[in-house]
């Protein structure tokens, strides 16, 4: 990877893209420190410190600390992620959107435009709920119409600006812009969380205990990173043989190739989608009052207590959220793969080109075989994602700590970094081909 980056800096075009991406990252980090006008940041920091839910810590990690700072980028890319989930679901439910998705580049641009509008609408909704809900409790220095409108406009503008930056990085920089923004936000919080772990388990302890704790912390981080790399690199290759045929006076075909099916076919999408959905009820419940008795009061109490991973004896219901999280990860692993990989279309294309899988008849049998293999490897990938995603919550519950850089965050960072490096390599390869042809 380091060799790739070193060689990339030697190419002027790629160097310019890397510099542009870095410049956008600097802009994002500056924006994360700019406060929303009229907001009492000390009140919000005190409120945040009293929350026991890991969802808020994860939300703060996804926003790079902007949520805790209550900056103009507090919403960050969360509305965009939510709108992407909505559009993915609507693409399946609405035939017209499905046709757009299959209509090549023009169709995808139309869907992207709709996604932008949905993002702005969600940003307005989330900003309104946040400002009005917290404003009644002391978030705003003066709770009046002007301050409420100003804060909502600032938050919506910040979220829209982040979306714009992400698209510009995709267009003029390196990698997927939205993914880059998310990774930078997560990485910006890692040093603080790692130092917090060492302060809790290492600093001030006896030498033997401190050494063992430090080794365990480092081993867990390295082990999870290796697991993520292996999961992302795992591929099942389906051999494909092309029959020989005569074209003019030449005999063509007869070559053997393969269809690479990644074990983690859906990438980081299941983790991001599941995490976003799991945050929603906790955030909404934080604005509600649950004083008193009754079923509703108890439900709100459980939500506010952070039902991600609470393994307290006699309070099994705190673990329900974790089970829901596992189900969502597995569901989105299958769902996202089903809308991005069509075995029937692949088998038809192979049949038209004279290709076949050895031992499998062309047409429907090929489609059924691909579906069977795909379901098998999706299950393996989903289990791997679940282990990586759940482990930090188990650690948080057992050791009463709060970490967000493991699991969800780690797989996002590693996956995006690996994909970005691959994109740099492909651009360098294309440039070498161009140079060869020009010569």
Protein backbone atom coordinates (compact mmCIF):
# COMPACT_ATOMS: atom_id res chain seq x y z
CA UNK A 1 0.00 0.00 0.00
CA UNK A 2 2.77 2.45 0.92
CA UNK A 3 4.58 1.63 -2.34
CA UNK A 4 1.38 2.40 -4.25
CA UNK A 5 1.02 5.78 -2.54
CA UNK A 6 4.69 6.57 -3.12
CA UNK A 7 4.37 5.84 -6.83
CA UNK A 8 1.08 7.75 -7.01
CA UNK A 9 2.77 10.96 -5.84
CA UNK A 10 5.09 10.70 -8.85
CA UNK A 11 2.13 11.05 -11.22
CA UNK A 12 1.00 14.67 -11.57
CA UNK A 13 -2.67 13.86 -12.27
CA UNK A 14 -3.05 11.52 -9.29
CA UNK A 15 -1.00 13.85 -7.08
CA UNK A 16 -3.44 16.67 -7.88
CA UNK A 17 -6.39 14.45 -6.97
CA UNK A 18 -4.77 13.47 -3.68
CA UNK A 19 -4.05 17.12 -2.88
CA UNK A 20 -7.66 18.09 -3.66
CA UNK A 21 -8.94 15.30 -1.40
CA UNK A 22 -6.61 16.42 1.40
CA UNK A 23 -7.77 20.04 0.99
CA UNK A 24 -11.43 18.97 1.30
CA UNK A 25 -10.56 16.98 4.43
CA UNK A 26 -9.01 20.10 5.98
CA UNK A 27 -12.17 22.08 5.18
CA UNK A 28 -14.30 19.41 6.88
CA UNK A 29 -12.17 19.41 10.02
CA UNK A 30 -12.35 23.20 10.22
CA UNK A 31 -16.13 23.10 9.78
CA UNK A 32 -16.47 20.57 12.60
CA UNK A 33 -15.18 23.24 15.01
CA UNK A 34 -17.50 26.08 13.94
CA UNK A 35 -20.39 26.36 16.44
CA UNK A 36 -24.04 26.78 15.51
CA UNK A 37 -25.08 30.40 16.25
CA UNK A 38 -26.95 30.85 19.53
CA UNK A 39 -26.13 27.39 20.92
CA UNK A 40 -24.90 26.79 24.47
CA UNK A 41 -22.13 24.26 23.79
CA UNK A 42 -21.38 23.75 27.49
CA UNK A 43 -24.96 22.62 28.11
CA UNK A 44 -24.82 20.14 25.27
CA UNK A 45 -21.45 18.75 26.38
CA UNK A 46 -22.86 18.23 29.88
CA UNK A 47 -25.98 16.52 28.46
CA UNK A 48 -23.86 14.30 26.23
CA UNK A 49 -21.68 13.16 29.14
CA UNK A 50 -24.79 11.92 30.97
CA UNK A 51 -25.91 9.66 28.13
CA UNK A 52 -25.32 5.94 28.65
CA UNK A 53 -26.22 4.85 25.12
CA UNK A 54 -23.43 3.73 22.82
CA UNK A 55 -25.53 4.96 19.91
CA UNK A 56 -24.68 8.57 20.72
CA UNK A 57 -20.98 7.72 20.93
CA UNK A 58 -21.22 6.01 17.54
CA UNK A 59 -23.12 8.99 16.13
CA UNK A 60 -20.41 11.32 17.42
CA UNK A 61 -17.75 9.08 15.83
CA UNK A 62 -19.61 9.12 12.50
CA UNK A 63 -19.67 12.93 12.64
CA UNK A 64 -16.02 13.28 13.69
CA UNK A 65 -16.88 15.01 16.98
CA UNK A 66 -19.13 17.56 15.26
CA UNK A 67 -22.19 16.26 17.13
CA UNK A 68 -20.54 16.69 20.54
CA UNK A 69 -19.23 20.13 19.55
CA UNK A 70 -22.68 21.02 18.19
CA UNK A 71 -20.97 22.54 15.17
CA UNK A 72 -22.61 23.48 11.88
CA UNK A 73 -21.62 19.99 10.66
CA UNK A 74 -23.36 18.22 13.57
CA UNK A 75 -25.70 16.31 11.23
CA UNK A 76 -22.81 15.57 8.90
CA UNK A 77 -23.50 12.80 6.35
CA UNK A 78 -26.12 10.99 8.45
CA UNK A 79 -29.08 12.42 6.46
CA UNK A 80 -27.35 11.31 3.24
CA UNK A 81 -26.83 7.77 4.56
CA UNK A 82 -30.47 7.58 5.65
CA UNK A 83 -31.69 8.90 2.29
CA UNK A 84 -29.53 6.32 0.50
CA UNK A 85 -31.20 3.57 2.55
CA UNK A 86 -34.63 4.94 1.67
CA UNK A 87 -33.78 5.15 -2.05
CA UNK A 88 -32.40 1.59 -2.06
CA UNK A 89 -35.67 0.34 -0.56
CA UNK A 90 -37.82 2.44 -2.90
CA UNK A 91 -35.88 1.15 -5.91
CA UNK A 92 -37.21 -2.31 -5.12
CA UNK A 93 -40.75 -1.13 -4.35
CA UNK A 94 -41.27 1.38 -7.20
CA UNK A 95 -40.90 -0.01 -10.76
CA UNK A 96 -40.09 3.43 -12.24
CA UNK A 97 -37.08 3.84 -9.94
CA UNK A 98 -36.00 0.30 -10.79
CA UNK A 99 -36.11 1.20 -14.48
CA UNK A 100 -34.01 4.31 -13.76
CA UNK A 101 -31.39 2.20 -12.02
CA UNK A 102 -31.17 -0.09 -15.05
CA UNK A 103 -31.09 2.85 -17.47
CA UNK A 104 -27.33 3.24 -17.33
CA UNK A 105 -25.54 6.44 -16.30
CA UNK A 106 -28.50 8.74 -17.02
CA UNK A 107 -30.77 6.73 -14.75
CA UNK A 108 -28.24 6.68 -11.93
CA UNK A 109 -27.84 10.47 -12.20
CA UNK A 110 -31.61 10.91 -11.83
CA UNK A 111 -31.65 8.68 -8.76
CA UNK A 112 -28.71 10.62 -7.34
CA UNK A 113 -30.62 13.88 -7.83
CA UNK A 114 -33.65 12.46 -5.99
CA UNK A 115 -31.32 11.26 -3.22
CA UNK A 116 -30.03 14.82 -2.80
CA UNK A 117 -33.55 16.20 -2.37
CA UNK A 118 -34.41 13.47 0.14
CA UNK A 119 -31.18 14.27 2.01
CA UNK A 120 -32.13 17.94 2.34
CA UNK A 121 -35.65 17.02 3.49
CA UNK A 122 -34.28 14.64 6.13
CA UNK A 123 -31.73 17.23 7.24
CA UNK A 124 -34.55 19.76 7.77
CA UNK A 125 -36.54 17.19 9.75
CA UNK A 126 -33.60 16.07 11.92
CA UNK A 127 -32.40 19.64 12.52
CA UNK A 128 -35.91 20.75 13.53
CA UNK A 129 -36.33 17.86 15.97
CA UNK A 130 -32.87 18.43 17.42
CA UNK A 131 -33.11 22.20 17.82
CA UNK A 132 -36.69 22.30 19.13
CA UNK A 133 -36.23 19.24 21.36
CA UNK A 134 -32.95 20.38 22.90
CA UNK A 135 -33.91 24.05 22.75
CA UNK A 136 -36.67 23.50 25.32
CA UNK A 137 -34.09 21.94 27.63
CA UNK A 138 -31.46 24.71 27.40
CA UNK A 139 -29.53 24.05 24.21
CA UNK A 140 -30.25 27.54 22.87
CA UNK A 141 -29.07 30.53 24.86
CA UNK A 142 -32.41 32.19 24.08
CA UNK A 143 -35.27 29.97 22.96
CA UNK A 144 -37.10 32.14 20.45
CA UNK A 145 -38.22 31.82 16.82
CA UNK A 146 -35.20 33.62 15.36
CA UNK A 147 -32.64 31.47 17.18
CA UNK A 148 -34.53 28.28 16.32
CA UNK A 149 -34.70 29.16 12.61
CA UNK A 150 -31.03 30.24 12.55
CA UNK A 151 -29.87 26.99 14.17
CA UNK A 152 -31.99 24.84 11.83
CA UNK A 153 -30.71 26.68 8.75
CA UNK A 154 -27.09 26.34 9.95
CA UNK A 155 -27.42 22.58 10.54
CA UNK A 156 -29.18 21.95 7.22
CA UNK A 157 -26.60 24.05 5.37
CA UNK A 158 -23.79 22.11 7.05
CA UNK A 159 -25.26 18.73 6.09
CA UNK A 160 -25.84 19.88 2.50
CA UNK A 161 -22.29 21.24 2.34
CA UNK A 162 -20.87 17.90 3.51
CA UNK A 163 -22.88 16.11 0.81
CA UNK A 164 -21.53 18.56 -1.79
CA UNK A 165 -17.94 18.03 -0.62
CA UNK A 166 -18.39 14.25 -0.81
CA UNK A 167 -19.58 14.50 -4.41
CA UNK A 168 -16.70 16.81 -5.33
CA UNK A 169 -14.18 14.34 -3.87
CA UNK A 170 -15.75 11.58 -5.97
CA UNK A 171 -15.56 13.77 -9.06
CA UNK A 172 -12.19 15.48 -8.66
CA UNK A 173 -10.43 13.54 -5.91
CA UNK A 174 -9.64 9.94 -5.03
CA UNK A 175 -12.16 7.33 -3.91
CA UNK A 176 -15.84 7.56 -3.02
CA UNK A 177 -16.32 10.99 -1.48
CA UNK A 178 -19.01 10.10 1.06
CA UNK A 179 -16.98 7.10 2.25
CA UNK A 180 -13.84 9.26 2.54
CA UNK A 181 -15.73 11.81 4.65
CA UNK A 182 -17.03 9.06 6.94
CA UNK A 183 -13.57 7.52 7.33
CA UNK A 184 -11.93 10.84 8.18
CA UNK A 185 -14.61 11.50 10.80
CA UNK A 186 -13.99 8.11 12.40
CA UNK A 187 -10.19 8.39 12.30
CA UNK A 188 -10.32 11.84 13.92
CA UNK A 189 -11.86 10.26 17.04
CA UNK A 190 -9.54 7.24 17.30
CA UNK A 191 -6.58 8.85 19.13
CA UNK A 192 -8.87 10.18 21.84
CA UNK A 193 -10.60 6.83 22.34
CA UNK A 194 -7.37 4.83 22.36
CA UNK A 195 -5.88 7.19 24.95
CA UNK A 196 -9.09 6.78 26.97
CA UNK A 197 -8.65 3.00 26.94
CA UNK A 198 -5.07 3.27 28.15
CA UNK A 199 -6.10 5.72 30.89
CA UNK A 200 -8.79 3.31 32.06
CA UNK A 201 -6.86 0.03 31.95
CA UNK A 202 -3.13 0.84 31.82
CA UNK A 203 -2.12 4.17 33.35
CA UNK A 204 -1.93 4.09 37.14
CA UNK A 205 -2.11 0.28 37.35
CA UNK A 206 0.54 -2.10 38.63
CA UNK A 207 3.27 -2.83 36.09
CA UNK A 208 2.25 -6.45 35.46
CA UNK A 209 -1.45 -5.56 35.08
CA UNK A 210 -0.63 -2.55 32.88
CA UNK A 211 1.56 -4.62 30.55
CA UNK A 212 -1.05 -7.37 30.21
CA UNK A 213 -3.81 -4.81 29.58
CA UNK A 214 -1.73 -2.97 26.96
CA UNK A 215 -0.90 -6.24 25.16
CA UNK A 216 -4.56 -7.27 25.17
CA UNK A 217 -5.70 -3.89 23.81
CA UNK A 218 -3.11 -3.94 21.01
CA UNK A 219 -3.81 -7.63 20.23
CA UNK A 220 -7.57 -7.01 19.94
CA UNK A 221 -7.08 -4.01 17.64
CA UNK A 222 -4.55 -5.81 15.42
CA UNK A 223 -6.59 -9.04 15.41
CA UNK A 224 -9.78 -7.26 14.35
CA UNK A 225 -7.92 -5.34 11.66
CA UNK A 226 -6.49 -8.59 10.25
CA UNK A 227 -9.96 -10.19 10.36
CA UNK A 228 -11.42 -7.26 8.43
CA UNK A 229 -8.66 -7.45 5.80
CA UNK A 230 -9.20 -11.20 5.38
CA UNK A 231 -12.97 -10.75 5.16
CA UNK A 232 -12.65 -8.06 2.50
CA UNK A 233 -10.07 -10.01 0.51
CA UNK A 234 -11.93 -13.34 0.51
CA UNK A 235 -13.10 -14.33 -2.99
CA UNK A 236 -14.87 -17.40 -4.39
CA UNK A 237 -13.96 -17.80 -8.07
CA UNK A 238 -16.51 -19.52 -10.30
CA UNK A 239 -14.74 -21.01 -13.39
CA UNK A 240 -16.27 -20.10 -16.76
CA UNK A 241 -15.40 -21.82 -20.07
CA UNK A 242 -16.14 -20.19 -23.43
CA UNK A 243 -16.86 -22.48 -26.37
CA UNK A 244 -14.85 -22.16 -29.58
CA UNK A 245 -16.66 -20.66 -32.55
CA UNK A 246 -15.78 -19.53 -36.05
CA UNK A 247 -15.83 -15.82 -36.91
CA UNK A 248 -14.89 -15.29 -40.56
CA UNK A 249 -11.78 -17.35 -41.13
CA UNK A 250 -10.69 -17.34 -37.52
CA UNK A 251 -11.48 -19.62 -34.60
CA UNK A 252 -12.23 -17.56 -31.49
CA UNK A 253 -13.18 -18.45 -27.92
CA UNK A 254 -12.09 -21.48 -26.01
CA UNK A 255 -10.53 -19.47 -23.19
CA UNK A 256 -11.16 -20.06 -19.50
CA UNK A 257 -11.95 -17.26 -17.08
CA UNK A 258 -13.78 -16.89 -13.77
CA UNK A 259 -16.46 -14.89 -11.98
CA UNK A 260 -15.03 -13.51 -8.72
CA UNK A 261 -17.64 -13.49 -5.95
CA UNK A 262 -16.44 -11.60 -2.88
CA UNK A 263 -17.19 -13.20 0.48
CA UNK A 264 -18.13 -9.77 1.81
CA UNK A 265 -20.25 -8.97 -1.24
CA UNK A 266 -22.07 -6.02 0.32
CA UNK A 267 -18.96 -4.37 1.80
CA UNK A 268 -19.64 -1.91 4.62
CA UNK A 269 -23.23 -1.22 3.57
CA UNK A 270 -24.92 -3.67 6.02
CA UNK A 271 -22.94 -2.27 8.95
CA UNK A 272 -23.69 1.37 8.03
CA UNK A 273 -27.38 0.74 7.34
CA UNK A 274 -27.92 -1.33 10.49
CA UNK A 275 -26.06 1.19 12.68
CA UNK A 276 -28.06 4.12 11.26
CA UNK A 277 -31.38 2.38 11.87
CA UNK A 278 -30.39 1.34 15.41
CA UNK A 279 -29.45 4.92 16.31
CA UNK A 280 -32.82 6.34 15.29
CA UNK A 281 -35.11 5.12 18.13
CA UNK A 282 -32.47 5.93 20.75
CA UNK A 283 -32.07 9.48 19.48
CA UNK A 284 -35.83 10.03 19.24
CA UNK A 285 -36.40 8.62 22.73
CA UNK A 286 -33.79 10.99 24.18
CA UNK A 287 -36.18 13.89 23.53
CA UNK A 288 -39.11 12.18 25.30
CA UNK A 289 -39.88 12.17 28.99
CA UNK A 290 -40.30 8.80 30.68
CA UNK A 291 -41.03 9.83 34.26
CA UNK A 292 -43.75 7.71 35.78
CA UNK A 293 -44.85 4.14 35.32
CA UNK A 294 -46.40 2.05 32.60
CA UNK A 295 -45.30 0.16 29.52
CA UNK A 296 -44.45 3.28 27.47
CA UNK A 297 -42.37 4.75 30.28
CA UNK A 298 -40.47 1.47 30.64
CA UNK A 299 -39.82 1.25 26.88
CA UNK A 300 -38.44 4.80 26.83
CA UNK A 301 -36.31 4.02 29.87
CA UNK A 302 -34.79 0.99 28.14
CA UNK A 303 -34.12 3.00 24.98
CA UNK A 304 -32.47 5.85 26.88
CA UNK A 305 -30.36 3.42 28.86
CA UNK A 306 -28.75 2.24 25.64
CA UNK A 307 -30.06 -1.18 24.69
CA UNK A 308 -27.15 -1.92 22.33
CA UNK A 309 -25.33 -4.16 24.73
CA UNK A 310 -26.49 -4.42 28.30
CA UNK A 311 -25.85 -7.86 29.75
CA UNK A 312 -26.93 -7.06 33.28
CA UNK A 313 -28.27 -10.02 35.24
CA UNK A 314 -32.05 -9.93 35.50
CA UNK A 315 -32.33 -7.35 32.71
CA UNK A 316 -32.18 -9.55 29.61
CA UNK A 317 -34.31 -7.12 27.61
CA UNK A 318 -31.30 -4.82 27.31
CA UNK A 319 -29.82 -7.38 24.90
CA UNK A 320 -32.80 -7.27 22.54
CA UNK A 321 -31.29 -4.35 20.66
CA UNK A 322 -28.10 -6.30 20.03
CA UNK A 323 -30.09 -9.19 18.57
CA UNK A 324 -31.99 -6.76 16.33
CA UNK A 325 -28.66 -5.33 15.21
CA UNK A 326 -27.42 -8.81 14.21
CA UNK A 327 -30.64 -9.49 12.28
CA UNK A 328 -30.34 -6.16 10.45
CA UNK A 329 -26.72 -6.83 9.46
CA UNK A 330 -27.62 -10.23 8.00
CA UNK A 331 -30.74 -8.84 6.30
CA UNK A 332 -28.91 -5.96 4.62
CA UNK A 333 -26.08 -8.29 3.56
CA UNK A 334 -28.59 -10.36 1.57
CA UNK A 335 -30.73 -7.40 0.53
CA UNK A 336 -27.94 -5.22 -0.84
CA UNK A 337 -26.34 -8.13 -2.70
CA UNK A 338 -29.71 -9.03 -4.26
CA UNK A 339 -30.04 -5.57 -5.82
CA UNK A 340 -26.43 -5.31 -7.00
CA UNK A 341 -25.82 -8.83 -8.30
CA UNK A 342 -28.36 -10.53 -10.58
CA UNK A 343 -27.54 -14.24 -11.20
CA UNK A 344 -30.21 -14.50 -13.92
CA UNK A 345 -28.72 -11.59 -15.86
CA UNK A 346 -25.21 -13.01 -15.48
CA UNK A 347 -26.31 -16.45 -16.74
CA UNK A 348 -28.12 -14.93 -19.74
CA UNK A 349 -25.05 -12.87 -20.70
CA UNK A 350 -22.85 -15.95 -20.42
CA UNK A 351 -25.27 -17.94 -22.59
CA UNK A 352 -25.31 -15.27 -25.31
CA UNK A 353 -21.50 -15.18 -25.39
CA UNK A 354 -21.16 -18.96 -25.47
CA UNK A 355 -19.92 -19.27 -21.92
CA UNK A 356 -20.80 -21.94 -19.38
CA UNK A 357 -19.75 -23.17 -15.97
CA UNK A 358 -18.14 -26.65 -16.27
CA UNK A 359 -20.66 -29.29 -15.20
CA UNK A 360 -23.58 -26.82 -15.19
CA UNK A 361 -25.97 -26.39 -18.10
CA UNK A 362 -26.43 -22.84 -19.47
CA UNK A 363 -29.56 -20.85 -18.67
CA UNK A 364 -31.70 -21.50 -15.61
CA UNK A 365 -29.43 -24.21 -14.07
CA UNK A 366 -26.54 -21.70 -14.18
CA UNK A 367 -28.68 -19.04 -12.52
CA UNK A 368 -29.74 -21.46 -9.78
CA UNK A 369 -26.14 -22.57 -9.22
CA UNK A 370 -24.92 -18.96 -8.92
CA UNK A 371 -27.76 -18.15 -6.51
CA UNK A 372 -26.90 -21.17 -4.35
CA UNK A 373 -23.20 -20.29 -4.19
CA UNK A 374 -24.00 -16.61 -3.61
CA UNK A 375 -26.34 -17.36 -0.70
CA UNK A 376 -23.64 -19.55 0.87
CA UNK A 377 -20.88 -16.95 0.70
CA UNK A 378 -23.23 -14.11 1.72
CA UNK A 379 -24.00 -16.06 4.89
CA UNK A 380 -20.28 -16.47 5.64
CA UNK A 381 -19.67 -12.76 4.98
CA UNK A 382 -22.65 -11.76 7.15
CA UNK A 383 -21.36 -13.90 10.03
CA UNK A 384 -17.95 -12.25 9.70
CA UNK A 385 -19.52 -8.78 9.69
CA UNK A 386 -21.63 -9.71 12.73
CA UNK A 387 -18.60 -10.89 14.72
CA UNK A 388 -16.69 -7.73 13.91
CA UNK A 389 -19.68 -5.48 14.59
CA UNK A 390 -20.79 -7.12 17.85
CA UNK A 391 -17.39 -7.57 19.53
CA UNK A 392 -16.98 -3.91 20.62
CA UNK A 393 -20.45 -3.93 22.22
CA UNK A 394 -19.55 -7.10 24.12
CA UNK A 395 -16.35 -5.41 25.32
CA UNK A 396 -18.29 -2.29 26.31
CA UNK A 397 -20.81 -4.34 28.28
CA UNK A 398 -18.31 -6.60 30.04
CA UNK A 399 -15.62 -4.03 30.86
CA UNK A 400 -17.89 -0.98 31.28
CA UNK A 401 -16.00 1.02 28.71
CA UNK A 402 -17.04 2.93 25.61
CA UNK A 403 -15.23 2.39 22.34
CA UNK A 404 -16.51 3.08 18.83
CA UNK A 405 -13.38 2.61 16.70
CA UNK A 406 -13.71 -1.18 16.80
CA UNK A 407 -16.18 -3.25 14.85
CA UNK A 408 -18.41 -0.92 12.87
CA UNK A 409 -15.89 1.87 12.57
CA UNK A 410 -12.91 -0.41 11.92
CA UNK A 411 -14.52 -2.30 9.05
CA UNK A 412 -15.57 0.99 7.45
CA UNK A 413 -12.06 2.43 7.72
CA UNK A 414 -10.25 -0.69 6.47
CA UNK A 415 -12.72 -1.33 3.64
CA UNK A 416 -12.64 2.25 2.36
CA UNK A 417 -8.83 2.45 2.60
CA UNK A 418 -8.42 -0.81 0.64
CA UNK A 419 -10.93 0.30 -2.02
CA UNK A 420 -9.24 3.70 -2.34
CA UNK A 421 -5.83 2.09 -2.77
CA UNK A 422 -7.29 -0.20 -5.46
CA UNK A 423 -8.71 2.82 -7.26
CA UNK A 424 -5.31 4.53 -7.18
CA UNK A 425 -3.71 1.38 -8.59
CA UNK A 426 -6.30 1.15 -11.37
CA UNK A 427 -5.77 4.80 -12.33
CA UNK A 428 -2.02 4.26 -12.46
CA UNK A 429 -2.56 1.15 -14.59
CA UNK A 430 -4.80 3.05 -17.02
CA UNK A 431 -2.17 5.78 -17.27
CA UNK A 432 0.52 3.20 -18.07
CA UNK A 433 -1.66 1.74 -20.83
CA UNK A 434 -2.24 5.21 -22.27
CA UNK A 435 1.49 5.87 -22.24
CA UNK A 436 2.16 2.54 -23.95
CA UNK A 437 -0.41 3.26 -26.69
CA UNK A 438 0.94 6.78 -27.24
CA UNK A 439 4.42 5.39 -27.68
